[in-house]
Amino acid sequence: MSTSSHRRTVLSLYRAILRTHKKKLPYHLREIGDAYVKEEWRAHKKAKPEHVVQFLRQWTVRSPSHLQVQCLTLQRIICSH
């Protein structure tokens, strides 16, 4: 995969995750979720290629339908406290 193609794929996934947060999470949970995603992506920005593959694979599994389930679970956990 070329560098520009890889970059587009990564940014597309990142945006999809943030869009899912925007659609599925209430505002106060969205702030937490967005901060977590941004922190994780920044931390892996200069990771070794073998770590990047694993990182992207894990986030791809989570997005978007799996992420929606996680968002609902997060809502239930936080609201139950």
PDB file of N, CA and C in Angstrom:
ATOM      1  N   MET A   1       0.853  -1.175   0.000  1.00  0.00           N
ATOM      2  CA  MET A   1       0.000   0.000   0.000  1.00  0.00           C
ATOM      3  C   MET A   1       0.893   1.230   0.000  1.00  0.00           C
ATOM      4  N   SER A   2       0.585   2.183  -0.874  1.00  0.00           N
ATOM      5  CA  SER A   2       1.387   3.396  -0.924  1.00  0.00           C
ATOM      6  C   SER A   2       1.147   4.241   0.327  1.00  0.00           C
ATOM      7  N   THR A   3       2.060   5.153   0.574  1.00  0.00           N
ATOM      8  CA  THR A   3       1.958   6.004   1.759  1.00  0.00           C
ATOM      9  C   THR A   3       0.684   6.834   1.743  1.00  0.00           C
ATOM     10  N   SER A   4       0.353   7.427   0.598  1.00  0.00           N
ATOM     11  CA  SER A   4      -0.853   8.265   0.540  1.00  0.00           C
ATOM     12  C   SER A   4      -2.123   7.424   0.680  1.00  0.00           C
ATOM     13  N   SER A   5      -2.120   6.232   0.113  1.00  0.00           N
ATOM     14  CA  SER A   5      -3.268   5.340   0.247  1.00  0.00           C
ATOM     15  C   SER A   5      -3.436   4.888   1.695  1.00  0.00           C
ATOM     16  N   HIS A   6      -2.327   4.557   2.335  1.00  0.00           N
ATOM     17  CA  HIS A   6      -2.356   4.159   3.746  1.00  0.00           C
ATOM     18  C   HIS A   6      -2.879   5.310   4.600  1.00  0.00           C
ATOM     19  N   ARG A   7      -2.404   6.500   4.336  1.00  0.00           N
ATOM     20  CA  ARG A   7      -2.835   7.682   5.093  1.00  0.00           C
ATOM     21  C   ARG A   7      -4.344   7.901   4.949  1.00  0.00           C
ATOM     22  N   ARG A   8      -4.845   7.768   3.724  1.00  0.00           N
ATOM     23  CA  ARG A   8      -6.292   7.936   3.492  1.00  0.00           C
ATOM     24  C   ARG A   8      -7.092   6.886   4.255  1.00  0.00           C
ATOM     25  N   THR A   9      -6.619   5.654   4.252  1.00  0.00           N
ATOM     26  CA  THR A   9      -7.302   4.572   4.956  1.00  0.00           C
ATOM     27  C   THR A   9      -7.343   4.838   6.457  1.00  0.00           C
ATOM     28  N   VAL A  10      -6.199   5.239   6.993  1.00  0.00           N
ATOM     29  CA  VAL A  10      -6.104   5.515   8.432  1.00  0.00           C
ATOM     30  C   VAL A  10      -7.010   6.686   8.818  1.00  0.00           C
ATOM     31  N   LEU A  11      -6.968   7.760   8.047  1.00  0.00           N
ATOM     32  CA  LEU A  11      -7.806   8.923   8.350  1.00  0.00           C
ATOM     33  C   LEU A  11      -9.290   8.606   8.199  1.00  0.00           C
ATOM     34  N   SER A  12      -9.621   7.776   7.230  1.00  0.00           N
ATOM     35  CA  SER A  12     -11.009   7.373   7.038  1.00  0.00           C
ATOM     36  C   SER A  12     -11.526   6.611   8.255  1.00  0.00           C
ATOM     37  N   LEU A  13     -10.726   5.693   8.773  1.00  0.00           N
ATOM     38  CA  LEU A  13     -11.107   4.941   9.967  1.00  0.00           C
ATOM     39  C   LEU A  13     -11.251   5.872  11.172  1.00  0.00           C
ATOM     40  N   TYR A  14     -10.297   6.761  11.348  1.00  0.00           N
ATOM     41  CA  TYR A  14     -10.309   7.729  12.458  1.00  0.00           C
ATOM     42  C   TYR A  14     -11.595   8.572  12.410  1.00  0.00           C
ATOM     43  N   ARG A  15     -11.918   9.078  11.226  1.00  0.00           N
ATOM     44  CA  ARG A  15     -13.132   9.887  11.078  1.00  0.00           C
ATOM     45  C   ARG A  15     -14.395   9.075  11.343  1.00  0.00           C
ATOM     46  N   ALA A  16     -14.403   7.824  10.883  1.00  0.00           N
ATOM     47  CA  ALA A  16     -15.574   6.963  11.105  1.00  0.00           C
ATOM     48  C   ALA A  16     -15.820   6.750  12.596  1.00  0.00           C
ATOM     49  N   ILE A  17     -14.742   6.577  13.338  1.00  0.00           N
ATOM     50  CA  ILE A  17     -14.871   6.390  14.788  1.00  0.00           C
ATOM     51  C   ILE A  17     -15.445   7.646  15.434  1.00  0.00           C
ATOM     52  N   LEU A  18     -14.904   8.804  15.077  1.00  0.00           N
ATOM     53  CA  LEU A  18     -15.404  10.057  15.658  1.00  0.00           C
ATOM     54  C   LEU A  18     -16.851  10.343  15.239  1.00  0.00           C
ATOM     55  N   ARG A  19     -17.210   9.996  13.995  1.00  0.00           N
ATOM     56  CA  ARG A  19     -18.608  10.171  13.549  1.00  0.00           C
ATOM     57  C   ARG A  19     -19.547   9.274  14.353  1.00  0.00           C
ATOM     58  N   THR A  20     -19.101   8.057  14.618  1.00  0.00           N
ATOM     59  CA  THR A  20     -19.921   7.139  15.406  1.00  0.00           C
ATOM     60  C   THR A  20     -20.126   7.691  16.813  1.00  0.00           C
ATOM     61  N   HIS A  21     -19.077   8.247  17.398  1.00  0.00           N
ATOM     62  CA  HIS A  21     -19.209   8.886  18.716  1.00  0.00           C
ATOM     63  C   HIS A  21     -20.253   9.995  18.649  1.00  0.00           C
ATOM     64  N   LYS A  22     -20.164  10.813  17.608  1.00  0.00           N
ATOM     65  CA  LYS A  22     -21.063  11.961  17.480  1.00  0.00           C
ATOM     66  C   LYS A  22     -22.525  11.517  17.360  1.00  0.00           C
ATOM     67  N   LYS A  23     -22.746  10.418  16.643  1.00  0.00           N
ATOM     68  CA  LYS A  23     -24.117   9.936  16.420  1.00  0.00           C
ATOM     69  C   LYS A  23     -24.671   9.157  17.609  1.00  0.00           C
ATOM     70  N   LYS A  24     -23.821   8.430  18.315  1.00  0.00           N
ATOM     71  CA  LYS A  24     -24.304   7.448  19.291  1.00  0.00           C
ATOM     72  C   LYS A  24     -24.102   7.816  20.752  1.00  0.00           C
ATOM     73  N   LEU A  25     -23.214   8.750  21.042  1.00  0.00           N
ATOM     74  CA  LEU A  25     -22.934   9.060  22.445  1.00  0.00           C
ATOM     75  C   LEU A  25     -23.529  10.398  22.854  1.00  0.00           C
ATOM     76  N   PRO A  26     -24.037  10.488  24.072  1.00  0.00           N
ATOM     77  CA  PRO A  26     -24.423  11.796  24.591  1.00  0.00           C
ATOM     78  C   PRO A  26     -23.169  12.658  24.728  1.00  0.00           C
ATOM     79  N   TYR A  27     -23.372  13.945  24.758  1.00  0.00           N
ATOM     80  CA  TYR A  27     -22.250  14.885  24.711  1.00  0.00           C
ATOM     81  C   TYR A  27     -21.171  14.598  25.756  1.00  0.00           C
ATOM     82  N   HIS A  28     -21.538  14.378  27.010  1.00  0.00           N
ATOM     83  CA  HIS A  28     -20.534  14.192  28.065  1.00  0.00           C
ATOM     84  C   HIS A  28     -19.710  12.916  27.847  1.00  0.00           C
ATOM     85  N   LEU A  29     -20.328  11.871  27.293  1.00  0.00           N
ATOM     86  CA  LEU A  29     -19.574  10.652  27.002  1.00  0.00           C
ATOM     87  C   LEU A  29     -18.748  10.805  25.728  1.00  0.00           C
ATOM     88  N   ARG A  30     -19.264  11.590  24.802  1.00  0.00           N
ATOM     89  CA  ARG A  30     -18.529  11.836  23.564  1.00  0.00           C
ATOM     90  C   ARG A  30     -17.197  12.521  23.845  1.00  0.00           C
ATOM     91  N   GLU A  31     -17.192  13.462  24.768  1.00  0.00           N
ATOM     92  CA  GLU A  31     -15.938  14.137  25.124  1.00  0.00           C
ATOM     93  C   GLU A  31     -14.900  13.127  25.617  1.00  0.00           C
ATOM     94  N   ILE A  32     -15.331  12.201  26.451  1.00  0.00           N
ATOM     95  CA  ILE A  32     -14.429  11.180  26.991  1.00  0.00           C
ATOM     96  C   ILE A  32     -13.943  10.262  25.869  1.00  0.00           C
ATOM     97  N   GLY A  33     -14.885   9.787  25.054  1.00  0.00           N
ATOM     98  CA  GLY A  33     -14.541   8.880  23.960  1.00  0.00           C
ATOM     99  C   GLY A  33     -13.625   9.516  22.938  1.00  0.00           C
ATOM    100  N   ASP A  34     -13.921  10.754  22.557  1.00  0.00           N
ATOM    101  CA  ASP A  34     -13.082  11.458  21.584  1.00  0.00           C
ATOM    102  C   ASP A  34     -11.676  11.681  22.126  1.00  0.00           C
ATOM    103  N   ALA A  35     -11.584  12.058  23.384  1.00  0.00           N
ATOM    104  CA  ALA A  35     -10.264  12.276  23.992  1.00  0.00           C
ATOM    105  C   ALA A  35      -9.451  10.984  24.003  1.00  0.00           C
ATOM    106  N   TYR A  36     -10.113   9.870  24.319  1.00  0.00           N
ATOM    107  CA  TYR A  36      -9.432   8.577  24.337  1.00  0.00           C
ATOM    108  C   TYR A  36      -8.919   8.206  22.940  1.00  0.00           C
ATOM    109  N   VAL A  37      -9.787   8.350  21.952  1.00  0.00           N
ATOM    110  CA  VAL A  37      -9.397   8.013  20.573  1.00  0.00           C
ATOM    111  C   VAL A  37      -8.220   8.884  20.132  1.00  0.00           C
ATOM    112  N   LYS A  38      -8.311  10.173  20.358  1.00  0.00           N
ATOM    113  CA  LYS A  38      -7.241  11.083  19.932  1.00  0.00           C
ATOM    114  C   LYS A  38      -5.923  10.755  20.628  1.00  0.00           C
ATOM    115  N   GLU A  39      -5.988  10.449  21.904  1.00  0.00           N
ATOM    116  CA  GLU A  39      -4.785  10.097  22.659  1.00  0.00           C
ATOM    117  C   GLU A  39      -4.152   8.811  22.112  1.00  0.00           C
ATOM    118  N   GLU A  40      -4.972   7.804  21.857  1.00  0.00           N
ATOM    119  CA  GLU A  40      -4.474   6.530  21.319  1.00  0.00           C
ATOM    120  C   GLU A  40      -3.842   6.711  19.946  1.00  0.00           C
ATOM    121  N   TRP A  41      -4.494   7.477  19.090  1.00  0.00           N
ATOM    122  CA  TRP A  41      -3.978   7.661  17.732  1.00  0.00           C
ATOM    123  C   TRP A  41      -2.696   8.478  17.754  1.00  0.00           C
ATOM    124  N   ARG A  42      -2.612   9.482  18.617  1.00  0.00           N
ATOM    125  CA  ARG A  42      -1.354  10.249  18.728  1.00  0.00           C
ATOM    126  C   ARG A  42      -0.219   9.374  19.233  1.00  0.00           C
ATOM    127  N   ALA A  43      -0.526   8.528  20.199  1.00  0.00           N
ATOM    128  CA  ALA A  43       0.502   7.656  20.780  1.00  0.00           C
ATOM    129  C   ALA A  43       1.054   6.663  19.761  1.00  0.00           C
ATOM    130  N   HIS A  44       0.253   6.295  18.783  1.00  0.00           N
ATOM    131  CA  HIS A  44       0.687   5.305  17.797  1.00  0.00           C
ATOM    132  C   HIS A  44       1.115   5.933  16.474  1.00  0.00           C
ATOM    133  N   LYS A  45       1.149   7.242  16.418  1.00  0.00           N
ATOM    134  CA  LYS A  45       1.475   7.936  15.173  1.00  0.00           C
ATOM    135  C   LYS A  45       2.862   7.554  14.644  1.00  0.00           C
ATOM    136  N   LYS A  46       3.814   7.384  15.532  1.00  0.00           N
ATOM    137  CA  LYS A  46       5.180   7.059  15.109  1.00  0.00           C
ATOM    138  C   LYS A  46       5.600   5.660  15.555  1.00  0.00           C
ATOM    139  N   ALA A  47       4.617   4.793  15.683  1.00  0.00           N
ATOM    140  CA  ALA A  47       4.899   3.417  16.106  1.00  0.00           C
ATOM    141  C   ALA A  47       5.558   2.625  14.980  1.00  0.00           C
ATOM    142  N   LYS A  48       6.187   1.531  15.356  1.00  0.00           N
ATOM    143  CA  LYS A  48       6.798   0.636  14.372  1.00  0.00           C
ATOM    144  C   LYS A  48       5.701   0.030  13.508  1.00  0.00           C
ATOM    145  N   PRO A  49       6.007  -0.257  12.244  1.00  0.00           N
ATOM    146  CA  PRO A  49       4.991  -0.786  11.320  1.00  0.00           C
ATOM    147  C   PRO A  49       4.241  -2.015  11.849  1.00  0.00           C
ATOM    148  N   GLU A  50       4.942  -2.921  12.522  1.00  0.00           N
ATOM    149  CA  GLU A  50       4.258  -4.115  13.031  1.00  0.00           C
ATOM    150  C   GLU A  50       3.246  -3.770  14.122  1.00  0.00           C
ATOM    151  N   HIS A  51       3.509  -2.706  14.873  1.00  0.00           N
ATOM    152  CA  HIS A  51       2.554  -2.270  15.892  1.00  0.00           C
ATOM    153  C   HIS A  51       1.376  -1.527  15.265  1.00  0.00           C
ATOM    154  N   VAL A  52       1.660  -0.795  14.205  1.00  0.00           N
ATOM    155  CA  VAL A  52       0.597  -0.052  13.522  1.00  0.00           C
ATOM    156  C   VAL A  52      -0.421  -1.016  12.927  1.00  0.00           C
ATOM    157  N   VAL A  53       0.056  -2.095  12.331  1.00  0.00           N
ATOM    158  CA  VAL A  53      -0.855  -3.086  11.749  1.00  0.00           C
ATOM    159  C   VAL A  53      -1.789  -3.635  12.816  1.00  0.00           C
ATOM    160  N   GLN A  54      -1.246  -4.016  13.942  1.00  0.00           N
ATOM    161  CA  GLN A  54      -2.048  -4.540  15.055  1.00  0.00           C
ATOM    162  C   GLN A  54      -3.033  -3.483  15.572  1.00  0.00           C
ATOM    163  N   PHE A  55      -2.541  -2.277  15.736  1.00  0.00           N
ATOM    164  CA  PHE A  55      -3.370  -1.162  16.213  1.00  0.00           C
ATOM    165  C   PHE A  55      -4.564  -0.929  15.288  1.00  0.00           C
ATOM    166  N   LEU A  56      -4.302  -0.833  13.991  1.00  0.00           N
ATOM    167  CA  LEU A  56      -5.379  -0.589  13.036  1.00  0.00           C
ATOM    168  C   LEU A  56      -6.348  -1.757  12.967  1.00  0.00           C
ATOM    169  N   ARG A  57      -5.833  -2.961  13.078  1.00  0.00           N
ATOM    170  CA  ARG A  57      -6.699  -4.142  13.064  1.00  0.00           C
ATOM    171  C   ARG A  57      -7.668  -4.097  14.243  1.00  0.00           C
ATOM    172  N   GLN A  58      -7.166  -3.742  15.416  1.00  0.00           N
ATOM    173  CA  GLN A  58      -8.027  -3.673  16.599  1.00  0.00           C
ATOM    174  C   GLN A  58      -9.100  -2.592  16.454  1.00  0.00           C
ATOM    175  N   TRP A  59      -8.735  -1.435  15.927  1.00  0.00           N
ATOM    176  CA  TRP A  59      -9.716  -0.365  15.755  1.00  0.00           C
ATOM    177  C   TRP A  59     -10.697  -0.684  14.644  1.00  0.00           C
ATOM    178  N   THR A  60     -10.259  -1.410  13.618  1.00  0.00           N
ATOM    179  CA  THR A  60     -11.166  -1.787  12.546  1.00  0.00           C
ATOM    180  C   THR A  60     -12.231  -2.749  13.072  1.00  0.00           C
ATOM    181  N   VAL A  61     -11.838  -3.654  13.948  1.00  0.00           N
ATOM    182  CA  VAL A  61     -12.791  -4.587  14.559  1.00  0.00           C
ATOM    183  C   VAL A  61     -13.820  -3.816  15.367  1.00  0.00           C
ATOM    184  N   ARG A  62     -13.420  -2.727  15.958  1.00  0.00           N
ATOM    185  CA  ARG A  62     -14.319  -1.938  16.811  1.00  0.00           C
ATOM    186  C   ARG A  62     -15.253  -1.028  16.024  1.00  0.00           C
ATOM    187  N   SER A  63     -15.001  -0.806  14.769  1.00  0.00           N
ATOM    188  CA  SER A  63     -15.726   0.228  14.044  1.00  0.00           C
ATOM    189  C   SER A  63     -16.471  -0.339  12.849  1.00  0.00           C
ATOM    190  N   PRO A  64     -17.619   0.214  12.488  1.00  0.00           N
ATOM    191  CA  PRO A  64     -18.451   1.081  13.307  1.00  0.00           C
ATOM    192  C   PRO A  64     -19.490   0.303  14.123  1.00  0.00           C
ATOM    193  N   SER A  65     -19.908  -0.888  13.661  1.00  0.00           N
ATOM    194  CA  SER A  65     -20.979  -1.579  14.384  1.00  0.00           C
ATOM    195  C   SER A  65     -20.542  -2.043  15.765  1.00  0.00           C
ATOM    196  N   HIS A  66     -19.316  -2.538  15.887  1.00  0.00           N
ATOM    197  CA  HIS A  66     -18.811  -2.948  17.196  1.00  0.00           C
ATOM    198  C   HIS A  66     -18.664  -1.745  18.110  1.00  0.00           C
ATOM    199  N   LEU A  67     -18.272  -0.635  17.540  1.00  0.00           N
ATOM    200  CA  LEU A  67     -18.116   0.584  18.322  1.00  0.00           C
ATOM    201  C   LEU A  67     -19.460   1.051  18.866  1.00  0.00           C
ATOM    202  N   GLN A  68     -20.515   0.877  18.079  1.00  0.00           N
ATOM    203  CA  GLN A  68     -21.842   1.263  18.545  1.00  0.00           C
ATOM    204  C   GLN A  68     -22.245   0.451  19.771  1.00  0.00           C
ATOM    205  N   VAL A  69     -21.938  -0.838  19.755  1.00  0.00           N
ATOM    206  CA  VAL A  69     -22.227  -1.695  20.906  1.00  0.00           C
ATOM    207  C   VAL A  69     -21.413  -1.236  22.108  1.00  0.00           C
ATOM    208  N   GLN A  70     -20.131  -0.910  21.882  1.00  0.00           N
ATOM    209  CA  GLN A  70     -19.278  -0.434  22.972  1.00  0.00           C
ATOM    210  C   GLN A  70     -19.796   0.886  23.528  1.00  0.00           C
ATOM    211  N   CYS A  71     -20.287   1.751  22.667  1.00  0.00           N
ATOM    212  CA  CYS A  71     -20.833   3.033  23.124  1.00  0.00           C
ATOM    213  C   CYS A  71     -22.042   2.818  24.017  1.00  0.00           C
ATOM    214  N   LEU A  72     -22.923   1.909  23.610  1.00  0.00           N
ATOM    215  CA  LEU A  72     -24.105   1.613  24.424  1.00  0.00           C
ATOM    216  C   LEU A  72     -23.709   1.004  25.760  1.00  0.00           C
ATOM    217  N   THR A  73     -22.708   0.130  25.747  1.00  0.00           N
ATOM    218  CA  THR A  73     -22.219  -0.476  26.986  1.00  0.00           C
ATOM    219  C   THR A  73     -21.627   0.583  27.893  1.00  0.00           C
ATOM    220  N   LEU A  74     -20.844   1.490  27.329  1.00  0.00           N
ATOM    221  CA  LEU A  74     -20.259   2.581  28.099  1.00  0.00           C
ATOM    222  C   LEU A  74     -21.335   3.435  28.740  1.00  0.00           C
ATOM    223  N   GLN A  75     -22.388   3.717  27.978  1.00  0.00           N
ATOM    224  CA  GLN A  75     -23.502   4.505  28.519  1.00  0.00           C
ATOM    225  C   GLN A  75     -24.131   3.799  29.712  1.00  0.00           C
ATOM    226  N   ARG A  76     -24.376   2.500  29.570  1.00  0.00           N
ATOM    227  CA  ARG A  76     -24.999   1.734  30.658  1.00  0.00           C
ATOM    228  C   ARG A  76     -24.138   1.725  31.906  1.00  0.00           C
ATOM    229  N   ILE A  77     -22.837   1.525  31.731  1.00  0.00           N
ATOM    230  CA  ILE A  77     -21.922   1.466  32.874  1.00  0.00           C
ATOM    231  C   ILE A  77     -21.895   2.798  33.602  1.00  0.00           C
ATOM    232  N   ILE A  78     -21.727   3.865  32.861  1.00  0.00           N
ATOM    233  CA  ILE A  78     -21.623   5.188  33.490  1.00  0.00           C
ATOM    234  C   ILE A  78     -22.954   5.601  34.108  1.00  0.00           C
ATOM    235  N   CYS A  79     -24.045   5.326  33.444  1.00  0.00           N
ATOM    236  CA  CYS A  79     -25.364   5.728  33.961  1.00  0.00           C
ATOM    237  C   CYS A  79     -25.798   4.903  35.168  1.00  0.00           C
ATOM    238  N   SER A  80     -25.238   3.711  35.312  1.00  0.00           N
ATOM    239  CA  SER A  80     -25.632   2.877  36.447  1.00  0.00           C
ATOM    240  C   SER A  80     -24.937   3.268  37.746  1.00  0.00           C
ATOM    241  N   HIS A  81     -23.947   4.121  37.674  1.00  0.00           N
ATOM    242  CA  HIS A  81     -23.207   4.546  38.878  1.00  0.00           C
ATOM    243  C   HIS A  81     -23.785   5.784  39.469  1.00  0.00           C
TER     244      HIS A  81
END
